[in-house]
């Protein structure tokens, strides 16, 4: 067989492998359209220093809870979370602990579930009521059925936290992102972002770490 022809076939074969390899790499590492949409929503929502607009959502006890209901507070810890997400479950006890620690100091937790129950039935309102009861939630657990509030905040994942401080009757974003730096193991956490932010705000100090990248389940948006 012609040596030149063999070399050409070899070059084509190597090129095909390279292209296939790149395509495979892209399919593994590039974000999906849903992930990309989540990140766009995150970038387009509230940023540090923004004033949050009032909202009203249904609590698991059937009452409507509004941001304005917390005007007597120094601020609130807004946590976008869900029933089905393993990351949200891993942080659940830590969220309860945050409320136990800071509600009495003027920074209660308000949990909001933006997850589409059509995608995960565990996130239905009935399942939310069951979860709040079984875990003894001592804070509101609100259903964002239209997902409008999650989009307004720019939430992309569960759990994702926004620490708001109140001044002159307005709630302002002071921190956004992760609760701490170890989703899997509470005992292994070394940076407690929300705890630090709230503690500093209560003490009249500036928040040092104002934002971190949230780690959790991507919010499934309704069509």
N, C-alpha and C. Protein backbone atom coordinates (compact mmCIF):
# COMPACT_ATOMS: atom_id res chain seq x y z
N UNK A 1 0.85 -1.20 0.00
CA UNK A 1 0.00 0.00 0.00
C UNK A 1 0.88 1.24 0.00
N UNK A 2 0.48 2.28 -0.67
CA UNK A 2 1.23 3.52 -0.77
C UNK A 2 1.48 4.13 0.60
N UNK A 3 2.77 4.43 0.88
CA UNK A 3 3.15 4.98 2.20
C UNK A 3 2.47 6.30 2.47
N UNK A 4 2.38 7.13 1.42
CA UNK A 4 1.72 8.44 1.58
C UNK A 4 0.26 8.27 1.95
N UNK A 5 -0.41 7.28 1.33
CA UNK A 5 -1.82 7.02 1.61
C UNK A 5 -2.01 6.55 3.04
N UNK A 6 -1.10 5.69 3.52
CA UNK A 6 -1.17 5.20 4.91
C UNK A 6 -1.02 6.35 5.89
N UNK A 7 -0.09 7.26 5.62
CA UNK A 7 0.12 8.42 6.50
C UNK A 7 -1.12 9.30 6.56
N UNK A 8 -1.77 9.48 5.40
CA UNK A 8 -2.99 10.30 5.35
C UNK A 8 -4.10 9.66 6.18
N UNK A 9 -4.25 8.34 6.07
CA UNK A 9 -5.27 7.63 6.86
C UNK A 9 -4.99 7.75 8.35
N UNK A 10 -3.70 7.66 8.69
CA UNK A 10 -3.31 7.77 10.10
C UNK A 10 -3.63 9.15 10.65
N UNK A 11 -3.36 10.18 9.87
CA UNK A 11 -3.65 11.56 10.29
C UNK A 11 -5.15 11.76 10.49
N UNK A 12 -5.94 11.23 9.53
CA UNK A 12 -7.40 11.35 9.64
C UNK A 12 -7.92 10.62 10.86
N UNK A 13 -7.37 9.46 11.15
CA UNK A 13 -7.80 8.65 12.29
C UNK A 13 -7.50 9.36 13.61
N UNK A 14 -6.29 9.93 13.70
CA UNK A 14 -5.90 10.68 14.91
C UNK A 14 -6.79 11.90 15.09
N UNK A 15 -7.09 12.59 13.98
CA UNK A 15 -7.94 13.78 14.04
C UNK A 15 -9.34 13.43 14.52
N UNK A 16 -9.86 12.28 14.04
CA UNK A 16 -11.19 11.85 14.44
C UNK A 16 -11.25 11.55 15.92
N UNK A 17 -10.20 10.89 16.42
CA UNK A 17 -10.13 10.60 17.87
C UNK A 17 -10.10 11.89 18.66
N UNK A 18 -9.31 12.86 18.19
CA UNK A 18 -9.19 14.14 18.91
C UNK A 18 -10.53 14.86 18.97
N UNK A 19 -11.23 14.90 17.84
CA UNK A 19 -12.53 15.58 17.80
C UNK A 19 -13.53 14.88 18.69
N UNK A 20 -13.56 13.53 18.61
CA UNK A 20 -14.47 12.76 19.45
C UNK A 20 -14.17 12.97 20.91
N UNK A 21 -12.87 13.03 21.24
CA UNK A 21 -12.48 13.25 22.63
C UNK A 21 -12.94 14.58 23.14
N UNK A 22 -12.77 15.62 22.30
CA UNK A 22 -13.21 16.95 22.70
C UNK A 22 -14.70 16.99 22.90
N UNK A 23 -15.44 16.35 21.98
CA UNK A 23 -16.89 16.33 22.08
C UNK A 23 -17.33 15.64 23.36
N UNK A 24 -16.65 14.51 23.69
CA UNK A 24 -16.99 13.79 24.91
C UNK A 24 -16.69 14.64 26.13
N UNK A 25 -15.55 15.33 26.12
CA UNK A 25 -15.18 16.19 27.24
C UNK A 25 -16.22 17.27 27.42
N UNK A 26 -16.66 17.88 26.30
CA UNK A 26 -17.64 18.95 26.38
C UNK A 26 -18.95 18.46 26.95
N UNK A 27 -19.35 17.25 26.56
CA UNK A 27 -20.63 16.74 27.04
C UNK A 27 -20.60 16.46 28.52
N UNK A 28 -19.41 16.19 29.06
CA UNK A 28 -19.29 15.89 30.49
C UNK A 28 -19.17 17.17 31.31
N UNK A 29 -18.39 18.11 30.83
CA UNK A 29 -18.00 19.25 31.66
C UNK A 29 -18.77 20.53 31.41
N UNK A 30 -19.34 20.70 30.24
CA UNK A 30 -20.08 21.93 30.00
C UNK A 30 -21.44 21.86 30.66
N UNK A 31 -21.94 22.99 31.23
CA UNK A 31 -23.24 22.97 31.89
C UNK A 31 -24.37 22.72 30.91
N UNK A 32 -25.41 22.09 31.40
CA UNK A 32 -26.59 21.88 30.58
C UNK A 32 -27.33 23.19 30.41
N UNK A 33 -28.34 23.19 29.53
CA UNK A 33 -29.13 24.41 29.33
C UNK A 33 -29.82 24.82 30.61
N UNK A 34 -30.27 23.83 31.39
CA UNK A 34 -30.95 24.16 32.64
C UNK A 34 -29.99 24.80 33.62
N UNK A 35 -28.75 24.23 33.68
CA UNK A 35 -27.75 24.81 34.58
C UNK A 35 -27.41 26.22 34.14
N UNK A 36 -27.25 26.39 32.83
CA UNK A 36 -26.93 27.71 32.32
C UNK A 36 -28.03 28.71 32.63
N UNK A 37 -29.28 28.26 32.51
CA UNK A 37 -30.42 29.13 32.82
C UNK A 37 -30.40 29.51 34.28
N UNK A 38 -30.06 28.55 35.14
CA UNK A 38 -30.00 28.84 36.57
C UNK A 38 -28.96 29.91 36.87
N UNK A 39 -27.77 29.79 36.22
CA UNK A 39 -26.71 30.75 36.48
C UNK A 39 -27.10 32.14 35.98
N UNK A 40 -27.81 32.21 34.84
CA UNK A 40 -28.27 33.50 34.34
C UNK A 40 -29.23 34.15 35.33
N UNK A 41 -30.12 33.33 35.87
CA UNK A 41 -31.07 33.87 36.84
C UNK A 41 -30.36 34.37 38.08
N UNK A 42 -29.32 33.64 38.49
CA UNK A 42 -28.57 34.06 39.66
C UNK A 42 -27.90 35.41 39.40
N UNK A 43 -27.29 35.55 38.21
CA UNK A 43 -26.59 36.79 37.90
C UNK A 43 -27.56 37.96 37.75
N UNK A 44 -28.81 37.68 37.35
CA UNK A 44 -29.76 38.74 37.11
C UNK A 44 -30.58 39.15 38.30
N UNK A 45 -30.43 38.46 39.43
CA UNK A 45 -31.21 38.77 40.61
C UNK A 45 -30.57 39.82 41.49
N UNK A 46 -31.02 39.87 42.74
CA UNK A 46 -30.47 40.83 43.69
C UNK A 46 -28.96 40.63 43.88
N UNK A 47 -28.27 41.74 44.03
CA UNK A 47 -26.84 41.72 44.31
C UNK A 47 -26.59 42.37 45.68
N UNK A 48 -25.36 42.26 46.15
CA UNK A 48 -25.01 42.84 47.44
C UNK A 48 -25.30 44.34 47.43
N UNK A 49 -26.03 44.80 48.44
CA UNK A 49 -26.38 46.21 48.55
C UNK A 49 -27.74 46.55 47.98
N UNK A 50 -28.37 45.59 47.29
CA UNK A 50 -29.69 45.84 46.71
C UNK A 50 -30.77 45.77 47.78
N UNK A 51 -31.79 46.60 47.63
CA UNK A 51 -32.96 46.57 48.50
C UNK A 51 -33.94 45.54 47.96
N UNK A 52 -34.43 44.68 48.84
CA UNK A 52 -35.34 43.61 48.43
C UNK A 52 -36.79 44.09 48.47
N UNK A 53 -37.52 43.82 47.41
CA UNK A 53 -38.92 44.19 47.37
C UNK A 53 -39.77 43.30 48.25
N UNK A 54 -40.89 43.81 48.73
CA UNK A 54 -41.77 43.02 49.58
C UNK A 54 -42.36 41.84 48.79
N UNK A 55 -42.59 40.75 49.49
CA UNK A 55 -43.22 39.59 48.86
C UNK A 55 -44.15 38.95 49.87
N UNK A 56 -45.06 38.12 49.39
CA UNK A 56 -46.01 37.42 50.24
C UNK A 56 -46.22 36.01 49.70
N UNK A 57 -45.95 35.00 50.55
CA UNK A 57 -46.05 33.60 50.14
C UNK A 57 -46.78 32.80 51.21
N UNK A 58 -47.34 31.67 50.80
CA UNK A 58 -48.10 30.83 51.73
C UNK A 58 -47.19 29.95 52.57
N UNK A 59 -47.38 30.02 53.88
CA UNK A 59 -46.63 29.20 54.82
C UNK A 59 -47.29 27.82 54.93
N UNK A 60 -46.56 26.85 55.48
CA UNK A 60 -47.10 25.50 55.63
C UNK A 60 -48.30 25.45 56.59
N UNK A 61 -48.49 26.49 57.41
CA UNK A 61 -49.66 26.52 58.30
C UNK A 61 -50.86 27.19 57.63
N UNK A 62 -50.71 27.55 56.34
CA UNK A 62 -51.81 28.15 55.59
C UNK A 62 -51.83 29.66 55.61
N UNK A 63 -51.06 30.29 56.49
CA UNK A 63 -51.02 31.75 56.56
C UNK A 63 -50.15 32.31 55.45
N UNK A 64 -50.48 33.53 55.04
CA UNK A 64 -49.63 34.26 54.10
C UNK A 64 -48.59 35.02 54.91
N UNK A 65 -47.33 34.84 54.57
CA UNK A 65 -46.23 35.50 55.26
C UNK A 65 -45.57 36.48 54.30
N UNK A 66 -45.38 37.71 54.76
CA UNK A 66 -44.77 38.75 53.93
C UNK A 66 -43.44 39.20 54.53
N UNK A 67 -42.58 39.73 53.69
CA UNK A 67 -41.33 40.30 54.18
C UNK A 67 -41.61 41.42 55.17
N UNK A 68 -42.66 42.18 54.91
CA UNK A 68 -43.01 43.30 55.79
C UNK A 68 -43.44 42.84 57.19
N UNK A 69 -43.76 41.56 57.35
CA UNK A 69 -44.11 41.04 58.67
C UNK A 69 -42.92 41.05 59.63
N UNK A 70 -41.72 41.25 59.09
CA UNK A 70 -40.50 41.21 59.90
C UNK A 70 -39.91 42.59 60.14
N UNK A 71 -40.76 43.60 60.07
CA UNK A 71 -40.27 44.97 60.25
C UNK A 71 -39.70 45.22 61.63
N UNK A 72 -40.07 44.38 62.61
CA UNK A 72 -39.53 44.55 63.96
C UNK A 72 -38.18 43.87 64.11
N UNK A 73 -37.76 43.13 63.10
CA UNK A 73 -36.48 42.41 63.15
C UNK A 73 -35.33 43.29 62.69
N UNK A 74 -34.12 42.87 63.04
CA UNK A 74 -32.92 43.56 62.55
C UNK A 74 -32.60 43.11 61.12
N UNK A 75 -33.14 41.96 60.77
CA UNK A 75 -32.92 41.41 59.44
C UNK A 75 -33.50 40.02 59.39
N UNK A 76 -33.27 39.32 58.29
CA UNK A 76 -33.72 37.92 58.20
C UNK A 76 -32.70 37.12 57.40
N UNK A 77 -32.75 35.81 57.61
CA UNK A 77 -31.91 34.88 56.87
C UNK A 77 -32.83 34.12 55.92
N UNK A 78 -32.82 34.48 54.65
CA UNK A 78 -33.67 33.83 53.65
C UNK A 78 -32.92 32.63 53.08
N UNK A 79 -33.54 31.45 53.19
CA UNK A 79 -32.92 30.23 52.68
C UNK A 79 -33.83 29.61 51.63
N UNK A 80 -33.36 29.57 50.38
CA UNK A 80 -34.08 28.83 49.34
C UNK A 80 -33.66 27.36 49.47
N UNK A 81 -34.65 26.50 49.73
CA UNK A 81 -34.36 25.10 49.99
C UNK A 81 -35.47 24.24 49.40
N UNK A 82 -35.40 22.94 49.61
CA UNK A 82 -36.41 22.04 49.06
C UNK A 82 -36.43 20.74 49.86
N UNK A 83 -37.43 19.93 49.61
CA UNK A 83 -37.54 18.64 50.30
C UNK A 83 -36.68 17.56 49.66
N UNK A 84 -36.63 17.54 48.32
CA UNK A 84 -36.03 16.41 47.62
C UNK A 84 -34.51 16.45 47.56
N UNK A 85 -33.92 17.62 47.60
CA UNK A 85 -32.49 17.78 47.32
C UNK A 85 -31.62 17.22 48.45
N UNK A 86 -30.68 16.34 48.15
CA UNK A 86 -29.82 15.80 49.21
C UNK A 86 -28.95 16.86 49.89
N UNK A 87 -28.57 17.90 49.13
CA UNK A 87 -27.80 18.99 49.73
C UNK A 87 -28.65 19.75 50.74
N UNK A 88 -29.92 19.99 50.38
CA UNK A 88 -30.83 20.68 51.31
C UNK A 88 -31.05 19.84 52.56
N UNK A 89 -31.18 18.53 52.38
CA UNK A 89 -31.35 17.65 53.54
C UNK A 89 -30.11 17.66 54.43
N UNK A 90 -28.93 17.70 53.80
CA UNK A 90 -27.69 17.70 54.57
C UNK A 90 -27.55 18.97 55.41
N UNK A 91 -28.13 20.07 54.93
CA UNK A 91 -28.02 21.35 55.64
C UNK A 91 -29.22 21.61 56.56
N UNK A 92 -30.20 20.76 56.54
CA UNK A 92 -31.45 21.03 57.26
C UNK A 92 -31.24 21.32 58.74
N UNK A 93 -30.49 20.47 59.42
CA UNK A 93 -30.25 20.68 60.86
C UNK A 93 -29.46 21.96 61.12
N UNK A 94 -28.58 22.31 60.19
CA UNK A 94 -27.81 23.54 60.35
C UNK A 94 -28.68 24.78 60.15
N UNK A 95 -29.67 24.66 59.28
CA UNK A 95 -30.62 25.77 59.09
C UNK A 95 -31.45 25.96 60.35
N UNK A 96 -31.91 24.86 60.92
CA UNK A 96 -32.66 24.93 62.18
C UNK A 96 -31.80 25.54 63.28
N UNK A 97 -30.53 25.15 63.34
CA UNK A 97 -29.62 25.68 64.35
C UNK A 97 -29.40 27.18 64.18
N UNK A 98 -29.33 27.64 62.94
CA UNK A 98 -29.18 29.08 62.69
C UNK A 98 -30.35 29.86 63.25
N UNK A 99 -31.56 29.34 63.02
CA UNK A 99 -32.74 30.02 63.55
C UNK A 99 -32.74 30.00 65.07
N UNK A 100 -32.38 28.85 65.67
CA UNK A 100 -32.32 28.75 67.12
C UNK A 100 -31.33 29.75 67.72
N UNK A 101 -30.25 30.00 66.99
CA UNK A 101 -29.21 30.89 67.49
C UNK A 101 -29.55 32.37 67.28
N UNK A 102 -30.11 32.69 66.12
CA UNK A 102 -30.21 34.11 65.76
C UNK A 102 -31.62 34.71 65.76
N UNK A 103 -32.67 33.89 65.81
CA UNK A 103 -34.02 34.46 65.83
C UNK A 103 -34.21 35.37 67.03
N UNK A 104 -33.73 34.95 68.17
CA UNK A 104 -33.88 35.75 69.39
C UNK A 104 -33.02 37.01 69.36
N UNK A 105 -32.04 37.05 68.44
CA UNK A 105 -31.17 38.23 68.31
C UNK A 105 -31.61 39.13 67.15
N UNK A 106 -32.78 38.82 66.59
CA UNK A 106 -33.33 39.70 65.57
C UNK A 106 -33.11 39.28 64.14
N UNK A 107 -32.56 38.06 63.92
CA UNK A 107 -32.33 37.56 62.57
C UNK A 107 -32.93 36.16 62.42
N UNK A 108 -34.26 36.07 62.27
CA UNK A 108 -34.89 34.76 62.10
C UNK A 108 -34.66 34.20 60.69
N UNK A 109 -34.83 32.89 60.58
CA UNK A 109 -34.77 32.22 59.29
C UNK A 109 -36.14 32.25 58.62
N UNK A 110 -36.15 32.46 57.31
CA UNK A 110 -37.34 32.28 56.50
C UNK A 110 -36.96 31.35 55.36
N UNK A 111 -37.52 30.14 55.34
CA UNK A 111 -37.20 29.17 54.30
C UNK A 111 -38.23 29.26 53.18
N UNK A 112 -37.76 29.19 51.96
CA UNK A 112 -38.63 29.27 50.78
C UNK A 112 -38.33 28.10 49.85
N UNK A 113 -39.36 27.39 49.44
CA UNK A 113 -39.20 26.27 48.52
C UNK A 113 -39.69 26.68 47.13
N UNK A 114 -38.75 26.86 46.17
CA UNK A 114 -39.14 27.23 44.81
C UNK A 114 -39.21 26.05 43.86
N UNK A 115 -38.96 24.84 44.37
CA UNK A 115 -38.86 23.67 43.50
C UNK A 115 -40.21 23.30 42.89
N UNK A 116 -40.19 22.91 41.64
CA UNK A 116 -41.41 22.55 40.91
C UNK A 116 -41.87 21.16 41.33
N UNK A 117 -43.02 21.05 42.01
CA UNK A 117 -43.51 19.73 42.42
C UNK A 117 -43.86 18.83 41.24
N UNK A 118 -44.03 19.42 40.07
CA UNK A 118 -44.25 18.62 38.88
C UNK A 118 -43.02 17.83 38.49
N UNK A 119 -41.87 18.30 38.92
CA UNK A 119 -40.61 17.61 38.67
C UNK A 119 -40.28 16.66 39.82
N UNK A 120 -40.50 17.13 41.05
CA UNK A 120 -40.25 16.33 42.25
C UNK A 120 -41.47 16.41 43.16
N UNK A 121 -42.22 15.33 43.26
CA UNK A 121 -43.44 15.32 44.06
C UNK A 121 -43.16 15.55 45.55
N UNK A 122 -41.92 15.28 45.97
CA UNK A 122 -41.56 15.53 47.37
C UNK A 122 -41.66 17.00 47.72
N UNK A 123 -41.72 17.85 46.72
CA UNK A 123 -41.78 19.30 46.96
C UNK A 123 -43.20 19.85 46.87
N UNK A 124 -44.18 18.99 46.89
CA UNK A 124 -45.57 19.46 46.92
C UNK A 124 -45.85 20.14 48.26
N UNK A 125 -46.89 20.93 48.30
CA UNK A 125 -47.22 21.67 49.52
C UNK A 125 -47.53 20.70 50.67
N UNK A 126 -48.21 19.61 50.38
CA UNK A 126 -48.52 18.62 51.42
C UNK A 126 -47.25 18.01 51.98
N UNK A 127 -46.29 17.71 51.12
CA UNK A 127 -45.02 17.15 51.58
C UNK A 127 -44.21 18.19 52.37
N UNK A 128 -44.35 19.45 51.98
CA UNK A 128 -43.69 20.52 52.74
C UNK A 128 -44.23 20.58 54.17
N UNK A 129 -45.56 20.45 54.30
CA UNK A 129 -46.18 20.47 55.63
C UNK A 129 -45.69 19.28 56.46
N UNK A 130 -45.61 18.12 55.82
CA UNK A 130 -45.13 16.93 56.54
C UNK A 130 -43.69 17.10 56.99
N UNK A 131 -42.87 17.66 56.12
CA UNK A 131 -41.45 17.84 56.45
C UNK A 131 -41.27 18.83 57.60
N UNK A 132 -41.97 19.93 57.53
CA UNK A 132 -41.87 20.94 58.58
C UNK A 132 -42.32 20.38 59.92
N UNK A 133 -43.35 19.56 59.89
CA UNK A 133 -43.86 18.96 61.13
C UNK A 133 -42.90 17.92 61.69
N UNK A 134 -42.39 17.05 60.82
CA UNK A 134 -41.53 15.96 61.29
C UNK A 134 -40.19 16.48 61.82
N UNK A 135 -39.69 17.56 61.23
CA UNK A 135 -38.42 18.13 61.67
C UNK A 135 -38.58 19.22 62.72
N UNK A 136 -39.82 19.60 63.01
CA UNK A 136 -40.06 20.62 64.02
C UNK A 136 -39.57 22.00 63.63
N UNK A 137 -39.83 22.38 62.37
CA UNK A 137 -39.42 23.72 61.94
C UNK A 137 -40.06 24.77 62.85
N UNK A 138 -39.23 25.66 63.38
CA UNK A 138 -39.74 26.76 64.18
C UNK A 138 -39.56 28.09 63.44
N UNK A 139 -39.66 28.00 62.12
CA UNK A 139 -39.55 29.17 61.25
C UNK A 139 -40.49 28.95 60.07
N UNK A 140 -40.86 29.99 59.36
CA UNK A 140 -41.76 29.83 58.21
C UNK A 140 -41.11 28.98 57.12
N UNK A 141 -41.92 28.16 56.48
CA UNK A 141 -41.49 27.38 55.32
C UNK A 141 -42.50 27.69 54.22
N UNK A 142 -42.09 28.53 53.29
CA UNK A 142 -43.00 29.13 52.31
C UNK A 142 -42.91 28.46 50.95
N UNK A 143 -44.05 28.36 50.29
CA UNK A 143 -44.11 27.78 48.94
C UNK A 143 -44.07 28.88 47.89
N UNK A 144 -43.03 28.88 47.07
CA UNK A 144 -42.91 29.83 45.97
C UNK A 144 -43.43 29.14 44.71
N UNK A 145 -44.74 28.96 44.66
CA UNK A 145 -45.36 28.15 43.60
C UNK A 145 -45.12 28.73 42.21
N UNK A 146 -45.12 30.03 42.08
CA UNK A 146 -44.90 30.66 40.77
C UNK A 146 -43.42 30.79 40.45
N UNK A 147 -42.58 30.58 41.45
CA UNK A 147 -41.13 30.73 41.34
C UNK A 147 -40.69 32.18 41.11
N UNK A 148 -41.62 33.11 41.25
CA UNK A 148 -41.32 34.53 40.99
C UNK A 148 -40.34 35.10 42.00
N UNK A 149 -40.44 34.65 43.24
CA UNK A 149 -39.55 35.21 44.28
C UNK A 149 -38.13 34.68 44.10
N UNK A 150 -38.01 33.40 43.79
CA UNK A 150 -36.68 32.83 43.52
C UNK A 150 -36.02 33.55 42.35
N UNK A 151 -36.79 33.86 41.32
CA UNK A 151 -36.25 34.56 40.16
C UNK A 151 -35.88 36.00 40.52
N UNK A 152 -36.69 36.63 41.36
CA UNK A 152 -36.38 38.01 41.78
C UNK A 152 -35.07 38.05 42.56
N UNK A 153 -34.86 37.06 43.42
CA UNK A 153 -33.62 37.00 44.19
C UNK A 153 -32.44 36.57 43.31
N UNK A 154 -32.74 35.82 42.26
CA UNK A 154 -31.66 35.27 41.44
C UNK A 154 -31.17 33.94 41.98
N UNK A 155 -31.99 33.26 42.78
CA UNK A 155 -31.59 31.96 43.31
C UNK A 155 -31.44 30.96 42.18
N UNK A 156 -30.42 30.12 42.27
CA UNK A 156 -30.16 29.12 41.24
C UNK A 156 -30.17 27.71 41.80
N UNK A 157 -29.93 27.57 43.11
CA UNK A 157 -29.78 26.24 43.69
C UNK A 157 -30.44 26.16 45.07
N UNK A 158 -30.60 24.92 45.51
CA UNK A 158 -31.04 24.70 46.89
C UNK A 158 -30.01 23.81 47.57
N UNK A 159 -29.53 24.23 48.77
CA UNK A 159 -29.91 25.49 49.43
C UNK A 159 -29.05 26.66 48.94
N UNK A 160 -29.64 27.84 49.02
CA UNK A 160 -28.94 29.09 48.72
C UNK A 160 -29.46 30.15 49.69
N UNK A 161 -28.53 30.89 50.30
CA UNK A 161 -28.88 31.78 51.41
C UNK A 161 -28.66 33.24 51.04
N UNK A 162 -29.57 34.08 51.53
CA UNK A 162 -29.44 35.54 51.42
C UNK A 162 -29.63 36.12 52.82
N UNK A 163 -28.62 36.79 53.32
CA UNK A 163 -28.74 37.48 54.61
C UNK A 163 -29.13 38.92 54.34
N UNK A 164 -30.27 39.33 54.89
CA UNK A 164 -30.78 40.69 54.70
C UNK A 164 -30.72 41.44 56.01
N UNK A 165 -30.26 42.67 55.97
CA UNK A 165 -30.30 43.52 57.15
C UNK A 165 -31.34 44.62 56.93
N UNK A 166 -31.99 45.06 58.00
CA UNK A 166 -33.04 46.08 57.87
C UNK A 166 -32.54 47.41 58.39
N UNK A 167 -32.75 48.43 57.59
CA UNK A 167 -32.37 49.80 57.97
C UNK A 167 -33.35 50.76 57.32
N UNK A 168 -33.87 51.68 58.10
CA UNK A 168 -34.85 52.65 57.59
C UNK A 168 -36.03 51.98 56.91
N UNK A 169 -36.44 50.86 57.48
CA UNK A 169 -37.61 50.15 56.97
C UNK A 169 -37.37 49.36 55.70
N UNK A 170 -36.12 49.24 55.27
CA UNK A 170 -35.81 48.52 54.04
C UNK A 170 -34.87 47.36 54.33
N UNK A 171 -35.09 46.25 53.62
CA UNK A 171 -34.24 45.07 53.75
C UNK A 171 -33.21 45.06 52.62
N UNK A 172 -31.95 44.98 53.00
CA UNK A 172 -30.85 45.06 52.03
C UNK A 172 -30.02 43.79 52.07
N UNK A 173 -29.61 43.31 50.90
CA UNK A 173 -28.79 42.10 50.82
C UNK A 173 -27.37 42.39 51.29
N UNK A 174 -26.91 41.60 52.28
CA UNK A 174 -25.56 41.77 52.82
C UNK A 174 -24.67 40.57 52.56
N UNK A 175 -25.30 39.40 52.36
CA UNK A 175 -24.54 38.20 52.03
C UNK A 175 -25.41 37.31 51.16
N UNK A 176 -24.75 36.55 50.25
CA UNK A 176 -25.49 35.59 49.43
C UNK A 176 -24.57 34.43 49.07
N UNK A 177 -25.12 33.21 49.15
CA UNK A 177 -24.32 32.04 48.77
C UNK A 177 -24.53 30.84 49.66
N UNK A 178 -23.44 30.18 50.04
CA UNK A 178 -23.46 28.95 50.84
C UNK A 178 -23.66 29.24 52.32
N UNK A 179 -24.12 28.23 53.06
CA UNK A 179 -24.17 28.35 54.52
C UNK A 179 -22.77 28.26 55.10
N UNK A 180 -22.05 27.22 54.69
CA UNK A 180 -20.67 27.04 55.12
C UNK A 180 -19.93 26.31 54.02
N UNK A 181 -18.69 25.92 54.30
CA UNK A 181 -17.86 25.36 53.22
C UNK A 181 -17.83 23.84 53.17
N UNK A 182 -18.75 23.16 53.87
CA UNK A 182 -18.75 21.71 53.81
C UNK A 182 -20.17 21.16 53.74
N UNK A 183 -20.73 20.98 52.54
CA UNK A 183 -22.09 20.48 52.42
C UNK A 183 -22.27 19.08 52.99
N UNK A 184 -21.23 18.23 52.89
CA UNK A 184 -21.38 16.84 53.29
C UNK A 184 -21.30 16.63 54.80
N UNK A 185 -20.35 17.31 55.45
CA UNK A 185 -20.06 17.01 56.85
C UNK A 185 -20.03 18.28 57.69
N UNK A 186 -21.02 18.50 58.54
CA UNK A 186 -21.03 19.70 59.39
C UNK A 186 -19.78 19.82 60.26
N UNK A 187 -19.29 18.68 60.74
CA UNK A 187 -18.12 18.70 61.61
C UNK A 187 -16.85 19.08 60.85
N UNK A 188 -16.89 18.93 59.53
CA UNK A 188 -15.72 19.24 58.72
C UNK A 188 -15.69 20.67 58.20
N UNK A 189 -16.73 21.44 58.49
CA UNK A 189 -16.78 22.83 58.02
C UNK A 189 -15.77 23.69 58.77
N UNK A 190 -15.12 24.58 58.05
CA UNK A 190 -14.14 25.48 58.68
C UNK A 190 -14.47 26.95 58.45
N UNK A 191 -15.34 27.22 57.46
CA UNK A 191 -15.75 28.60 57.18
C UNK A 191 -17.28 28.66 57.28
N UNK A 192 -17.76 29.47 58.20
CA UNK A 192 -19.20 29.54 58.48
C UNK A 192 -19.73 30.90 58.00
N UNK A 193 -19.99 30.96 56.70
CA UNK A 193 -20.26 32.23 56.04
C UNK A 193 -21.49 32.95 56.59
N UNK A 194 -22.60 32.24 56.71
CA UNK A 194 -23.83 32.88 57.18
C UNK A 194 -23.69 33.27 58.64
N UNK A 195 -23.16 32.37 59.45
CA UNK A 195 -22.97 32.65 60.87
C UNK A 195 -22.10 33.88 61.06
N UNK A 196 -21.02 33.95 60.30
CA UNK A 196 -20.11 35.10 60.41
C UNK A 196 -20.80 36.39 59.97
N UNK A 197 -21.54 36.33 58.86
CA UNK A 197 -22.20 37.53 58.33
C UNK A 197 -23.21 38.07 59.33
N UNK A 198 -24.05 37.19 59.88
CA UNK A 198 -25.08 37.63 60.82
C UNK A 198 -24.44 38.14 62.10
N UNK A 199 -23.45 37.43 62.59
CA UNK A 199 -22.76 37.85 63.82
C UNK A 199 -22.15 39.24 63.66
N UNK A 200 -21.53 39.48 62.51
CA UNK A 200 -20.92 40.79 62.26
C UNK A 200 -21.97 41.89 62.17
N UNK A 201 -23.08 41.60 61.51
CA UNK A 201 -24.14 42.60 61.40
C UNK A 201 -24.72 42.95 62.77
N UNK A 202 -24.91 41.95 63.60
CA UNK A 202 -25.43 42.20 64.94
C UNK A 202 -24.46 43.05 65.76
N UNK A 203 -23.16 42.82 65.52
CA UNK A 203 -22.12 43.54 66.27
C UNK A 203 -21.79 44.90 65.65
N UNK A 204 -22.45 45.23 64.54
CA UNK A 204 -22.18 46.51 63.88
C UNK A 204 -20.91 46.51 63.06
N UNK A 205 -20.42 45.32 62.72
CA UNK A 205 -19.21 45.20 61.91
C UNK A 205 -19.57 44.92 60.45
N UNK A 206 -18.67 45.23 59.53
CA UNK A 206 -18.95 44.93 58.12
C UNK A 206 -18.86 43.43 57.86
N UNK A 207 -19.62 42.97 56.89
CA UNK A 207 -19.54 41.57 56.47
C UNK A 207 -18.28 41.40 55.64
N UNK A 208 -17.43 40.47 56.04
CA UNK A 208 -16.14 40.28 55.37
C UNK A 208 -16.32 39.53 54.06
N UNK A 209 -16.89 38.33 54.13
CA UNK A 209 -17.17 37.55 52.93
C UNK A 209 -18.62 37.82 52.54
N UNK A 210 -18.81 38.55 51.46
CA UNK A 210 -20.15 38.98 51.09
C UNK A 210 -20.87 38.03 50.14
N UNK A 211 -20.12 37.21 49.41
CA UNK A 211 -20.77 36.26 48.51
C UNK A 211 -19.88 35.05 48.29
N UNK A 212 -20.53 33.91 48.12
CA UNK A 212 -19.86 32.67 47.77
C UNK A 212 -20.71 31.97 46.72
N UNK A 213 -20.12 31.02 46.02
CA UNK A 213 -20.86 30.27 44.99
C UNK A 213 -21.67 29.17 45.66
N UNK A 214 -23.00 29.17 45.51
CA UNK A 214 -23.81 28.14 46.15
C UNK A 214 -23.56 26.77 45.54
N UNK A 215 -23.61 25.75 46.40
CA UNK A 215 -23.48 24.37 45.96
C UNK A 215 -24.75 23.64 46.35
N UNK A 216 -25.40 23.00 45.40
CA UNK A 216 -26.64 22.30 45.71
C UNK A 216 -27.32 21.84 44.44
N UNK A 217 -28.61 21.52 44.56
CA UNK A 217 -29.38 21.05 43.41
C UNK A 217 -29.88 22.25 42.60
N UNK A 218 -29.71 22.17 41.30
CA UNK A 218 -30.22 23.25 40.44
C UNK A 218 -31.74 23.30 40.53
N UNK A 219 -32.26 24.52 40.68
CA UNK A 219 -33.71 24.70 40.72
C UNK A 219 -34.29 24.35 39.35
N UNK A 220 -35.31 23.52 39.35
CA UNK A 220 -35.97 23.14 38.09
C UNK A 220 -37.08 24.15 37.80
N UNK A 221 -36.89 24.93 36.75
CA UNK A 221 -37.84 25.99 36.43
C UNK A 221 -39.00 25.46 35.61
N UNK A 222 -40.17 26.00 35.89
CA UNK A 222 -41.35 25.63 35.12
C UNK A 222 -41.26 26.22 33.73
N UNK A 223 -41.85 25.54 32.76
CA UNK A 223 -41.83 26.06 31.38
C UNK A 223 -42.82 27.20 31.23
